[in-house]
Amino acid sequence: MTTIDLPFTGPFTNAAGTLGYNPSPREIDLSGLGGFITNPVSLAPRTAATGARMLRFPGGILVHTGLPNPGLRRVVSKYRDHWARASLPVVVHLVAGDPDELFRMVRVLEETEGVTGLEIGLSAGIPSDPARALIQAAVGELPVLVRPVLEDVLRLAGEAGDAGASALAIGPPRGSLAGPDGGLVSGRLYGPAVCPMALEVLRELSGASIPVIYAGGIRNAADADAALALGAAGVQIDIALWRTGEFRIPTGSSSAHG
């Protein structure tokens, strides 16, 4: 399995947007994680999307939130002490509209104790040149993971590596469902239905020059082993972490990290 330049202590992390900003102990047992990825953070505060926020379908859920957060300054002020004391390496997930905005956020986090890496979320359908510019703005003193949506991963894998990213993370695909009022609700798709698509993308990336972190519908150790056997440098677990009492981080996975 490919190694990556991140201080993770094992192959499993949570996915951005699943566990908040603080890796402190909670009702979910995080002892099997090798790192912690924060909820998305933007430079300025973002408010929640209106209308339906979560819709279920037979293969999982559609999440439509608008990536609400209090903005970088407030997040750092509130959580930097927690990050500095955390037993898990902390990677901050960033969303930005342009390279200058991202550059400003990265410089702040490079000076923040306890931050060991960055994950950059790329919007669906972003062209290659703007994607490259964002990645280059983020590359600096901290390792950088780049997370396009699943549909764009194959197209942007080369761009991420050439621009200096440490690893490529598979982001959730986009989709739409009819909402309670009959109108379409668009958002991110999570759940078992994503797993076959994400594994196929991972298989197609088997010869990629950049390490790939798998995400998409992980339910158990068998799913994780399938991803690691295909060469994934790590595995991100998403909504399965919300099933308290039903899901256990697969610490006994037969594949070892790094």
Protein backbone atom coordinates (compact mmCIF):
# COMPACT_ATOMS: atom_id res chain seq x y z
CA MET A 1 0.00 0.00 0.00
CA THR A 2 1.18 3.52 -0.80
CA THR A 3 2.39 5.63 2.09
CA ILE A 4 1.48 9.28 2.44
CA ASP A 5 3.19 12.24 4.01
CA LEU A 6 0.67 12.62 6.84
CA PRO A 7 1.17 11.77 10.51
CA PHE A 8 -1.77 9.37 10.70
CA THR A 9 -1.23 6.51 13.12
CA GLY A 10 -3.46 4.08 11.22
CA PRO A 11 -5.39 3.77 7.95
CA PHE A 12 -8.79 4.95 9.23
CA THR A 13 -10.06 8.49 9.72
CA ASN A 14 -13.50 10.02 9.84
CA ALA A 15 -14.67 11.93 6.78
CA ALA A 16 -15.14 15.69 6.91
CA GLY A 17 -18.58 16.68 8.12
CA THR A 18 -19.19 13.65 10.34
CA LEU A 19 -17.76 14.45 13.79
CA GLY A 20 -17.58 18.23 14.15
CA TYR A 21 -14.40 20.15 14.92
CA ASN A 22 -13.25 18.65 18.20
CA PRO A 23 -11.60 15.20 18.44
CA SER A 24 -12.21 14.97 22.19
CA PRO A 25 -13.72 11.79 23.70
CA ARG A 26 -17.42 11.28 23.00
CA GLU A 27 -20.08 8.58 22.94
CA ILE A 28 -18.55 7.20 19.73
CA ASP A 29 -15.39 5.16 20.34
CA LEU A 30 -12.68 6.82 18.25
CA SER A 31 -9.83 4.62 19.47
CA GLY A 32 -9.59 2.92 16.08
CA LEU A 33 -9.02 6.16 14.17
CA GLY A 34 -5.54 7.13 13.05
CA GLY A 35 -6.49 10.77 12.50
CA PHE A 36 -9.34 13.27 12.80
CA ILE A 37 -10.72 15.44 9.98
CA THR A 38 -12.77 18.49 10.95
CA ASN A 39 -16.04 19.70 9.54
CA PRO A 40 -15.61 22.04 6.55
CA VAL A 41 -14.32 25.54 7.39
CA SER A 42 -14.54 28.66 5.20
CA LEU A 43 -12.86 32.03 5.62
CA ALA A 44 -16.12 33.87 6.32
CA PRO A 45 -19.10 32.39 8.22
CA ARG A 46 -21.60 30.39 6.19
CA THR A 47 -25.24 29.90 7.11
CA ALA A 48 -27.14 26.64 6.71
CA ALA A 49 -29.07 25.90 3.55
CA THR A 50 -32.83 26.34 3.67
CA GLY A 51 -35.36 23.58 3.06
CA ALA A 52 -34.85 19.85 3.50
CA ARG A 53 -31.45 19.06 5.01
CA MET A 54 -31.44 15.26 4.85
CA LEU A 55 -33.41 12.86 2.64
CA ARG A 56 -33.27 9.09 2.90
CA PHE A 57 -33.34 6.70 -0.06
CA PRO A 58 -32.94 2.89 -0.13
CA GLY A 59 -29.16 3.03 -0.58
CA GLY A 60 -28.32 5.80 1.90
CA ILE A 61 -28.98 9.48 2.45
CA LEU A 62 -28.74 12.76 0.58
CA VAL A 63 -27.33 15.61 2.69
CA HIS A 64 -28.00 19.25 1.77
CA THR A 65 -26.50 21.62 4.34
CA GLY A 66 -24.72 24.46 2.55
CA LEU A 67 -21.62 23.63 4.65
CA PRO A 68 -22.55 25.98 7.52
CA ASN A 69 -19.71 27.03 9.82
CA PRO A 70 -18.75 30.04 11.94
CA GLY A 71 -15.75 30.98 9.80
CA LEU A 72 -12.04 30.33 10.21
CA ARG A 73 -11.31 32.94 12.88
CA ARG A 74 -13.96 31.66 15.27
CA VAL A 75 -13.21 28.00 14.61
CA VAL A 76 -9.51 28.47 15.35
CA SER A 77 -10.21 30.57 18.44
CA LYS A 78 -12.60 27.96 19.86
CA TYR A 79 -10.81 24.74 18.96
CA ARG A 80 -7.07 25.40 18.72
CA ASP A 81 -6.46 24.39 22.33
CA HIS A 82 -8.40 21.16 21.76
CA TRP A 83 -6.32 20.46 18.64
CA ALA A 84 -3.08 21.10 20.50
CA ARG A 85 -4.06 18.57 23.21
CA ALA A 86 -5.65 16.01 20.90
CA SER A 87 -4.43 12.42 20.98
CA LEU A 88 -5.26 12.14 17.27
CA PRO A 89 -3.56 14.05 14.44
CA VAL A 90 -5.91 16.82 13.29
CA VAL A 91 -6.51 17.67 9.63
CA VAL A 92 -8.63 20.77 8.94
CA HIS A 93 -10.98 20.58 5.95
CA LEU A 94 -11.15 23.88 4.02
CA VAL A 95 -13.56 25.23 1.41
CA ALA A 96 -12.70 28.37 -0.54
CA GLY A 97 -14.01 30.32 -3.50
CA ASP A 98 -10.67 31.42 -4.88
CA PRO A 99 -6.92 30.83 -4.39
CA ASP A 100 -6.32 34.07 -2.48
CA GLU A 101 -8.98 33.18 0.07
CA LEU A 102 -7.53 29.70 0.49
CA PHE A 103 -3.98 31.03 0.77
CA ARG A 104 -5.04 33.30 3.64
CA MET A 105 -6.64 30.39 5.51
CA VAL A 106 -3.67 28.12 5.00
CA ARG A 107 -1.22 30.68 6.37
CA VAL A 108 -3.30 30.98 9.56
CA LEU A 109 -3.44 27.23 10.07
CA GLU A 110 0.28 26.82 9.46
CA GLU A 111 0.75 28.90 12.62
CA THR A 112 -1.87 26.99 14.64
CA GLU A 113 -0.53 24.40 17.05
CA GLY A 114 -2.05 20.95 16.68
CA VAL A 115 -2.94 21.21 12.99
CA THR A 116 -1.01 18.47 11.20
CA GLY A 117 -2.52 18.67 7.73
CA LEU A 118 -5.15 20.20 5.47
CA GLU A 119 -7.89 18.76 3.30
CA ILE A 120 -9.14 20.94 0.45
CA GLY A 121 -12.68 20.36 -0.80
CA LEU A 122 -13.20 21.02 -4.51
CA SER A 123 -16.63 21.93 -5.85
CA ALA A 124 -18.37 19.62 -8.31
CA GLY A 125 -17.41 20.17 -11.93
CA ILE A 126 -14.53 22.55 -11.18
CA PRO A 127 -12.36 22.98 -14.32
CA SER A 128 -8.76 21.78 -14.24
CA ASP A 129 -7.08 25.20 -14.21
CA PRO A 130 -9.02 26.62 -11.22
CA ALA A 131 -8.52 23.32 -9.39
CA ARG A 132 -4.79 23.49 -9.94
CA ALA A 133 -4.68 27.11 -8.76
CA LEU A 134 -6.50 26.23 -5.53
CA ILE A 135 -4.19 23.30 -4.81
CA GLN A 136 -1.09 25.38 -5.46
CA ALA A 137 -2.42 28.06 -3.09
CA ALA A 138 -2.76 25.44 -0.35
CA VAL A 139 0.62 23.76 -0.73
CA GLY A 140 3.08 25.01 1.86
CA GLU A 141 4.34 23.81 5.22
CA LEU A 142 1.50 21.36 5.90
CA PRO A 143 0.64 18.20 3.94
CA VAL A 144 -2.39 18.72 1.69
CA LEU A 145 -5.14 16.25 0.83
CA VAL A 146 -7.33 17.23 -2.13
CA ARG A 147 -10.95 16.00 -2.11
CA PRO A 148 -12.92 16.33 -5.37
CA VAL A 149 -16.40 14.84 -5.65
CA LEU A 150 -16.37 11.23 -6.80
CA GLU A 151 -17.40 12.16 -10.36
CA ASP A 152 -14.30 14.38 -10.75
CA VAL A 153 -11.67 12.20 -9.07
CA LEU A 154 -10.37 10.48 -12.20
CA ARG A 155 -10.25 13.75 -14.14
CA LEU A 156 -8.38 15.67 -11.43
CA ALA A 157 -6.01 13.00 -10.10
CA GLY A 158 -3.18 14.13 -12.33
CA GLU A 159 -3.80 17.80 -11.58
CA ALA A 160 -3.63 17.15 -7.83
CA GLY A 161 -0.33 15.33 -8.06
CA ASP A 162 1.27 17.83 -10.43
CA ALA A 163 0.20 20.75 -8.23
CA GLY A 164 1.97 19.31 -5.19
CA ALA A 165 -0.81 17.63 -3.19
CA SER A 166 0.23 14.89 -0.77
CA ALA A 167 -2.81 12.70 -1.44
CA LEU A 168 -6.15 12.54 -3.23
CA ALA A 169 -9.30 11.82 -1.20
CA ILE A 170 -12.50 10.55 -2.83
CA GLY A 171 -15.35 12.92 -1.99
CA PRO A 172 -19.05 12.03 -1.91
CA PRO A 173 -20.91 12.14 -5.25
CA ARG A 174 -23.67 14.63 -5.94
CA GLY A 175 -27.29 13.73 -6.55
CA SER A 176 -30.87 14.99 -6.41
CA LEU A 177 -34.08 13.70 -4.88
CA ALA A 178 -37.65 14.95 -4.71
CA GLY A 179 -38.13 16.90 -1.49
CA PRO A 180 -41.17 17.07 0.79
CA ASP A 181 -42.67 19.89 -1.29
CA GLY A 182 -42.12 18.06 -4.56
CA GLY A 183 -39.17 20.17 -5.66
CA LEU A 184 -35.73 18.73 -6.30
CA VAL A 185 -33.17 18.80 -3.49
CA SER A 186 -29.52 18.50 -4.53
CA GLY A 187 -26.74 17.44 -2.21
CA ARG A 188 -24.05 14.94 -1.27
CA LEU A 189 -24.78 11.20 -1.31
CA TYR A 190 -23.66 8.86 1.45
CA GLY A 191 -24.32 5.23 2.24
CA PRO A 192 -23.88 1.70 0.87
CA ALA A 193 -25.07 2.67 -2.63
CA VAL A 194 -21.90 4.75 -3.06
CA CYS A 195 -19.54 1.86 -2.27
CA PRO A 196 -19.60 0.07 -5.70
CA MET A 197 -19.00 3.34 -7.56
CA ALA A 198 -16.20 4.46 -5.24
CA LEU A 199 -14.45 1.08 -5.38
CA GLU A 200 -14.57 1.18 -9.18
CA VAL A 201 -12.98 4.63 -9.19
CA LEU A 202 -10.32 3.38 -6.78
CA ARG A 203 -9.63 0.41 -9.08
CA GLU A 204 -9.19 2.75 -12.05
CA LEU A 205 -6.72 4.80 -10.00
CA SER A 206 -4.54 1.79 -9.20
CA GLY A 207 -1.70 3.18 -11.31
CA ALA A 208 -2.02 6.79 -10.18
CA SER A 209 1.14 8.63 -9.19
CA ILE A 210 -0.60 10.20 -6.17
CA PRO A 211 -1.75 8.23 -3.10
CA VAL A 212 -5.53 7.84 -2.91
CA ILE A 213 -7.62 7.85 0.26
CA TYR A 214 -10.84 5.90 -0.14
CA ALA A 215 -14.27 7.04 1.03
CA GLY A 216 -17.75 5.94 0.08
CA GLY A 217 -20.21 3.71 1.88
CA ILE A 218 -17.83 1.91 4.25
CA ARG A 219 -20.02 -0.33 6.45
CA ASN A 220 -17.61 -2.83 7.99
CA ALA A 221 -14.11 -4.31 7.95
CA ALA A 222 -14.81 -6.22 4.72
CA ASP A 223 -15.49 -2.98 2.84
CA ALA A 224 -12.36 -1.42 4.31
CA ASP A 225 -10.23 -4.43 3.37
CA ALA A 226 -11.56 -4.29 -0.19
CA ALA A 227 -10.42 -0.67 -0.47
CA LEU A 228 -7.04 -1.31 1.09
CA ALA A 229 -6.48 -4.38 -1.12
CA LEU A 230 -7.03 -2.12 -4.14
CA GLY A 231 -4.17 0.07 -2.95
CA ALA A 232 -5.93 2.78 -0.95
CA ALA A 233 -3.49 4.72 1.23
CA GLY A 234 -6.22 5.15 3.84
CA VAL A 235 -9.96 4.91 4.40
CA GLN A 236 -12.38 7.63 5.47
CA ILE A 237 -15.54 6.53 7.30
CA ASP A 238 -18.59 8.76 6.97
CA ILE A 239 -22.20 8.24 8.12
CA ALA A 240 -21.51 4.77 9.51
CA LEU A 241 -19.95 6.63 12.47
CA TRP A 242 -23.39 8.01 13.33
CA ARG A 243 -24.78 4.53 13.97
CA THR A 244 -23.73 4.47 17.61
CA GLY A 245 -23.81 0.96 19.02
CA GLU A 246 -24.10 -0.63 15.56
CA PHE A 247 -20.78 0.23 13.92
CA ARG A 248 -17.21 -0.33 15.09
CA ILE A 249 -14.15 1.20 13.47
CA PRO A 250 -12.50 -1.88 11.88
CA THR A 251 -9.27 -1.90 13.89
CA GLY A 252 -8.83 -5.57 13.10
CA SER A 253 -8.61 -4.96 9.36
CA SER A 254 -6.13 -7.34 7.77
CA SER A 255 -4.36 -4.56 5.89
CA ALA A 256 -1.82 -2.45 7.75
CA HIS A 257 -1.26 1.26 7.28
CA GLY A 258 1.79 2.70 5.62
